[in-house]
Amino acid sequence: MPTFHRVLPEADLVEGQMRGLALEGHDLLLVRTKEGLYALDNQCTHGAARLSEGRLRGVRVICPLHGASFDCRSGAVLALPARDPQRAYATRLVDGWIEVALAP
């Protein structure tokens, strides 16, 4: 069973917003859409850019450097130049807190 870590109060991340944060040496991107809460690695797999500095369009996270995009629900590549998916992490809400599991 994965270990979840409290990372942010639920009220601090509204729908349509994303935020970068550090957790145990990992640079993570938290995303909240109307579909739910998601967590990905924050560094684009194509270049050395932080996705938290990019844009969110629906479930599409767009890299600020070259425009690669990823599905925040799974990390899947949606647009080049990225070829490798983003690593996705399990999330949940517990007692008003967003929690993330770093291991499967």
N, C-alpha and C. Protein backbone atom coordinates (compact mmCIF):
# COMPACT_ATOMS: atom_id res chain seq x y z
N MET A 1 0.85 -1.18 0.00
CA MET A 1 0.00 0.00 0.00
C MET A 1 0.90 1.25 0.00
N PRO A 2 0.61 2.21 -0.88
CA PRO A 2 1.46 3.40 -0.95
C PRO A 2 1.32 4.29 0.28
N THR A 3 2.39 5.02 0.57
CA THR A 3 2.37 5.99 1.65
C THR A 3 2.04 7.35 1.06
N PHE A 4 0.99 7.98 1.58
CA PHE A 4 0.58 9.30 1.12
C PHE A 4 1.14 10.37 2.05
N HIS A 5 1.49 11.51 1.46
CA HIS A 5 2.04 12.65 2.19
C HIS A 5 1.12 13.85 2.02
N ARG A 6 0.81 14.52 3.13
CA ARG A 6 0.03 15.77 3.05
C ARG A 6 0.90 16.84 2.40
N VAL A 7 0.35 17.51 1.38
CA VAL A 7 1.16 18.50 0.68
C VAL A 7 0.55 19.89 0.65
N LEU A 8 -0.78 19.99 0.69
CA LEU A 8 -1.41 21.30 0.53
C LEU A 8 -2.86 21.25 0.99
N PRO A 9 -3.32 22.29 1.69
CA PRO A 9 -4.75 22.32 2.00
C PRO A 9 -5.57 22.38 0.71
N GLU A 10 -6.65 21.65 0.67
CA GLU A 10 -7.51 21.60 -0.53
C GLU A 10 -7.91 22.99 -1.01
N ALA A 11 -8.20 23.89 -0.09
CA ALA A 11 -8.65 25.24 -0.44
C ALA A 11 -7.57 26.06 -1.15
N ASP A 12 -6.31 25.64 -1.06
CA ASP A 12 -5.21 26.39 -1.68
C ASP A 12 -4.99 26.07 -3.15
N LEU A 13 -5.77 25.15 -3.71
CA LEU A 13 -5.65 24.81 -5.13
C LEU A 13 -7.06 24.71 -5.71
N VAL A 14 -7.46 25.74 -6.43
CA VAL A 14 -8.81 25.78 -6.99
C VAL A 14 -8.83 25.16 -8.38
N GLU A 15 -10.02 24.83 -8.85
CA GLU A 15 -10.19 24.25 -10.18
C GLU A 15 -9.57 25.16 -11.24
N GLY A 16 -8.83 24.54 -12.16
CA GLY A 16 -8.18 25.29 -13.23
C GLY A 16 -6.82 25.83 -12.86
N GLN A 17 -6.31 25.42 -11.71
CA GLN A 17 -5.03 25.93 -11.22
C GLN A 17 -4.02 24.80 -11.11
N MET A 18 -2.74 25.16 -11.22
CA MET A 18 -1.66 24.20 -10.98
C MET A 18 -0.59 24.89 -10.16
N ARG A 19 0.17 24.07 -9.45
CA ARG A 19 1.17 24.62 -8.53
C ARG A 19 2.34 23.63 -8.39
N GLY A 20 3.54 24.17 -8.42
CA GLY A 20 4.72 23.36 -8.19
C GLY A 20 5.03 23.29 -6.71
N LEU A 21 5.59 22.16 -6.27
CA LEU A 21 6.01 22.01 -4.88
C LEU A 21 7.06 20.93 -4.77
N ALA A 22 7.81 20.98 -3.69
CA ALA A 22 8.84 19.98 -3.42
C ALA A 22 8.33 19.01 -2.36
N LEU A 23 8.61 17.73 -2.59
CA LEU A 23 8.22 16.70 -1.63
C LEU A 23 9.31 15.63 -1.62
N GLU A 24 10.03 15.55 -0.51
CA GLU A 24 11.07 14.54 -0.31
C GLU A 24 12.02 14.45 -1.51
N GLY A 25 12.50 15.60 -1.97
CA GLY A 25 13.46 15.64 -3.06
C GLY A 25 12.86 15.56 -4.45
N HIS A 26 11.55 15.47 -4.55
CA HIS A 26 10.86 15.43 -5.84
C HIS A 26 10.26 16.80 -6.13
N ASP A 27 10.44 17.28 -7.37
CA ASP A 27 9.81 18.52 -7.83
C ASP A 27 8.50 18.11 -8.50
N LEU A 28 7.38 18.40 -7.85
CA LEU A 28 6.06 17.95 -8.31
C LEU A 28 5.21 19.08 -8.83
N LEU A 29 4.28 18.73 -9.70
CA LEU A 29 3.26 19.64 -10.19
C LEU A 29 1.91 19.12 -9.74
N LEU A 30 1.18 19.92 -8.97
CA LEU A 30 -0.19 19.58 -8.59
C LEU A 30 -1.12 20.30 -9.55
N VAL A 31 -2.14 19.59 -10.01
CA VAL A 31 -3.10 20.14 -10.97
C VAL A 31 -4.49 19.83 -10.48
N ARG A 32 -5.38 20.85 -10.57
CA ARG A 32 -6.78 20.61 -10.23
C ARG A 32 -7.65 21.02 -11.40
N THR A 33 -8.41 20.07 -11.91
CA THR A 33 -9.34 20.31 -13.01
C THR A 33 -10.73 19.93 -12.54
N LYS A 34 -11.72 20.12 -13.40
CA LYS A 34 -13.07 19.71 -13.02
C LYS A 34 -13.16 18.19 -12.89
N GLU A 35 -12.19 17.46 -13.51
CA GLU A 35 -12.15 16.01 -13.41
C GLU A 35 -11.55 15.52 -12.10
N GLY A 36 -10.70 16.35 -11.45
CA GLY A 36 -10.10 15.92 -10.20
C GLY A 36 -8.74 16.54 -9.93
N LEU A 37 -8.01 15.90 -9.01
CA LEU A 37 -6.68 16.33 -8.60
C LEU A 37 -5.64 15.36 -9.15
N TYR A 38 -4.52 15.93 -9.62
CA TYR A 38 -3.49 15.10 -10.24
C TYR A 38 -2.12 15.62 -9.84
N ALA A 39 -1.12 14.74 -9.90
CA ALA A 39 0.26 15.12 -9.60
C ALA A 39 1.17 14.48 -10.65
N LEU A 40 2.11 15.29 -11.13
CA LEU A 40 3.09 14.85 -12.13
C LEU A 40 4.46 15.36 -11.71
N ASP A 41 5.51 14.82 -12.35
CA ASP A 41 6.81 15.46 -12.23
C ASP A 41 6.69 16.86 -12.83
N ASN A 42 7.38 17.82 -12.24
CA ASN A 42 7.25 19.21 -12.66
C ASN A 42 8.21 19.58 -13.79
N GLN A 43 9.23 18.79 -14.03
CA GLN A 43 10.17 19.10 -15.11
C GLN A 43 9.75 18.38 -16.38
N CYS A 44 9.63 19.14 -17.47
CA CYS A 44 9.25 18.58 -18.76
C CYS A 44 10.24 17.49 -19.18
N THR A 45 9.74 16.41 -19.76
CA THR A 45 10.61 15.32 -20.21
C THR A 45 11.38 15.70 -21.48
N HIS A 46 10.99 16.78 -22.13
CA HIS A 46 11.69 17.21 -23.34
C HIS A 46 12.84 18.17 -23.04
N GLY A 47 12.61 19.12 -22.16
CA GLY A 47 13.64 20.12 -21.87
C GLY A 47 13.64 20.45 -20.39
N ALA A 48 14.56 21.29 -20.02
CA ALA A 48 14.70 21.65 -18.60
C ALA A 48 13.78 22.82 -18.26
N ALA A 49 12.49 22.59 -18.37
CA ALA A 49 11.51 23.63 -18.05
C ALA A 49 10.56 23.11 -16.99
N ARG A 50 10.14 24.01 -16.11
CA ARG A 50 9.18 23.64 -15.06
C ARG A 50 7.77 23.81 -15.61
N LEU A 51 7.00 22.75 -15.59
CA LEU A 51 5.64 22.80 -16.11
C LEU A 51 4.75 23.75 -15.32
N SER A 52 5.07 23.98 -14.06
CA SER A 52 4.28 24.91 -13.24
C SER A 52 4.35 26.34 -13.78
N GLU A 53 5.32 26.62 -14.64
CA GLU A 53 5.43 27.94 -15.27
C GLU A 53 4.71 28.00 -16.62
N GLY A 54 4.09 26.87 -16.99
CA GLY A 54 3.36 26.79 -18.26
C GLY A 54 1.89 27.12 -18.08
N ARG A 55 1.06 26.52 -18.94
CA ARG A 55 -0.38 26.79 -18.94
C ARG A 55 -1.16 25.49 -18.77
N LEU A 56 -2.38 25.64 -18.27
CA LEU A 56 -3.31 24.53 -18.13
C LEU A 56 -4.53 24.84 -18.98
N ARG A 57 -4.87 23.94 -19.89
CA ARG A 57 -6.05 24.06 -20.74
C ARG A 57 -6.85 22.77 -20.61
N GLY A 58 -7.88 22.80 -19.79
CA GLY A 58 -8.64 21.57 -19.52
C GLY A 58 -7.78 20.61 -18.74
N VAL A 59 -7.45 19.46 -19.36
CA VAL A 59 -6.56 18.49 -18.72
C VAL A 59 -5.18 18.51 -19.36
N ARG A 60 -4.94 19.46 -20.25
CA ARG A 60 -3.67 19.59 -20.97
C ARG A 60 -2.75 20.56 -20.25
N VAL A 61 -1.56 20.07 -19.85
CA VAL A 61 -0.51 20.90 -19.26
C VAL A 61 0.47 21.22 -20.39
N ILE A 62 0.70 22.51 -20.62
CA ILE A 62 1.53 22.96 -21.74
C ILE A 62 2.84 23.53 -21.21
N CYS A 63 3.95 22.98 -21.70
CA CYS A 63 5.28 23.40 -21.28
C CYS A 63 5.56 24.82 -21.78
N PRO A 64 6.16 25.66 -20.92
CA PRO A 64 6.44 27.05 -21.32
C PRO A 64 7.61 27.19 -22.29
N LEU A 65 8.43 26.16 -22.43
CA LEU A 65 9.64 26.29 -23.24
C LEU A 65 9.40 26.03 -24.72
N HIS A 66 8.91 24.85 -25.06
CA HIS A 66 8.73 24.50 -26.48
C HIS A 66 7.30 24.12 -26.83
N GLY A 67 6.37 24.20 -25.88
CA GLY A 67 4.97 23.93 -26.17
C GLY A 67 4.56 22.47 -26.14
N ALA A 68 5.44 21.58 -25.69
CA ALA A 68 5.03 20.18 -25.52
C ALA A 68 3.87 20.16 -24.54
N SER A 69 2.98 19.18 -24.68
CA SER A 69 1.88 19.11 -23.72
C SER A 69 1.62 17.68 -23.29
N PHE A 70 1.03 17.59 -22.10
CA PHE A 70 0.82 16.32 -21.42
C PHE A 70 -0.58 16.28 -20.83
N ASP A 71 -1.15 15.09 -20.76
CA ASP A 71 -2.43 14.87 -20.10
C ASP A 71 -2.15 14.78 -18.60
N CYS A 72 -2.71 15.68 -17.82
CA CYS A 72 -2.42 15.70 -16.38
C CYS A 72 -2.96 14.48 -15.66
N ARG A 73 -3.93 13.79 -16.26
CA ARG A 73 -4.51 12.61 -15.61
C ARG A 73 -3.58 11.40 -15.64
N SER A 74 -2.76 11.32 -16.68
CA SER A 74 -1.91 10.13 -16.85
C SER A 74 -0.45 10.44 -17.11
N GLY A 75 -0.15 11.69 -17.51
CA GLY A 75 1.20 12.05 -17.90
C GLY A 75 1.49 11.79 -19.37
N ALA A 76 0.52 11.26 -20.11
CA ALA A 76 0.71 10.92 -21.52
C ALA A 76 1.04 12.16 -22.35
N VAL A 77 1.91 11.97 -23.34
CA VAL A 77 2.27 13.06 -24.26
C VAL A 77 1.08 13.35 -25.16
N LEU A 78 0.72 14.62 -25.27
CA LEU A 78 -0.36 15.04 -26.16
C LEU A 78 0.15 15.82 -27.36
N ALA A 79 1.35 16.41 -27.25
CA ALA A 79 1.92 17.17 -28.36
C ALA A 79 3.43 17.16 -28.29
N LEU A 80 4.05 17.06 -29.44
CA LEU A 80 5.50 17.15 -29.57
C LEU A 80 5.95 18.56 -29.21
N PRO A 81 7.21 18.76 -28.89
CA PRO A 81 8.33 17.89 -29.18
C PRO A 81 8.61 16.82 -28.13
N ALA A 82 7.86 16.77 -27.04
CA ALA A 82 8.09 15.71 -26.04
C ALA A 82 7.73 14.36 -26.64
N ARG A 83 8.50 13.36 -26.29
CA ARG A 83 8.23 11.99 -26.74
C ARG A 83 7.99 11.06 -25.55
N ASP A 84 8.53 11.44 -24.39
CA ASP A 84 8.39 10.61 -23.19
C ASP A 84 7.32 11.20 -22.28
N PRO A 85 6.48 10.34 -21.68
CA PRO A 85 5.44 10.84 -20.78
C PRO A 85 6.01 11.38 -19.47
N GLN A 86 5.21 12.16 -18.79
CA GLN A 86 5.53 12.63 -17.45
C GLN A 86 5.17 11.52 -16.47
N ARG A 87 5.94 11.38 -15.41
CA ARG A 87 5.58 10.43 -14.36
C ARG A 87 4.40 11.00 -13.58
N ALA A 88 3.38 10.19 -13.38
CA ALA A 88 2.19 10.60 -12.64
C ALA A 88 2.19 9.91 -11.28
N TYR A 89 1.60 10.59 -10.30
CA TYR A 89 1.55 10.10 -8.92
C TYR A 89 0.10 10.04 -8.45
N ALA A 90 -0.19 9.10 -7.57
CA ALA A 90 -1.53 8.99 -6.99
C ALA A 90 -1.78 10.17 -6.06
N THR A 91 -3.01 10.67 -6.08
CA THR A 91 -3.43 11.75 -5.19
C THR A 91 -4.73 11.36 -4.51
N ARG A 92 -5.02 12.03 -3.41
CA ARG A 92 -6.30 11.84 -2.73
C ARG A 92 -6.55 13.05 -1.84
N LEU A 93 -7.81 13.19 -1.42
CA LEU A 93 -8.22 14.23 -0.46
C LEU A 93 -8.56 13.55 0.85
N VAL A 94 -7.96 14.04 1.94
CA VAL A 94 -8.24 13.50 3.27
C VAL A 94 -8.34 14.66 4.24
N ASP A 95 -9.49 14.79 4.87
CA ASP A 95 -9.71 15.82 5.90
C ASP A 95 -9.31 17.22 5.43
N GLY A 96 -9.65 17.55 4.18
CA GLY A 96 -9.37 18.89 3.66
C GLY A 96 -7.95 19.10 3.16
N TRP A 97 -7.16 18.03 3.07
CA TRP A 97 -5.78 18.11 2.61
C TRP A 97 -5.60 17.31 1.32
N ILE A 98 -4.78 17.82 0.42
CA ILE A 98 -4.35 17.07 -0.76
C ILE A 98 -3.15 16.23 -0.34
N GLU A 99 -3.20 14.95 -0.67
CA GLU A 99 -2.11 14.05 -0.35
C GLU A 99 -1.61 13.40 -1.64
N VAL A 100 -0.29 13.15 -1.67
CA VAL A 100 0.36 12.55 -2.84
C VAL A 100 1.19 11.35 -2.38
N ALA A 101 1.14 10.26 -3.17
CA ALA A 101 1.98 9.09 -2.92
C ALA A 101 3.11 9.09 -3.94
N LEU A 102 4.34 9.00 -3.48
CA LEU A 102 5.49 9.02 -4.37
C LEU A 102 5.79 7.65 -4.98
N ALA A 103 5.40 6.58 -4.31
CA ALA A 103 5.63 5.22 -4.80
C ALA A 103 4.32 4.62 -5.25
N PRO A 104 4.40 3.67 -6.20
CA PRO A 104 3.15 3.03 -6.69
C PRO A 104 2.46 2.21 -5.62
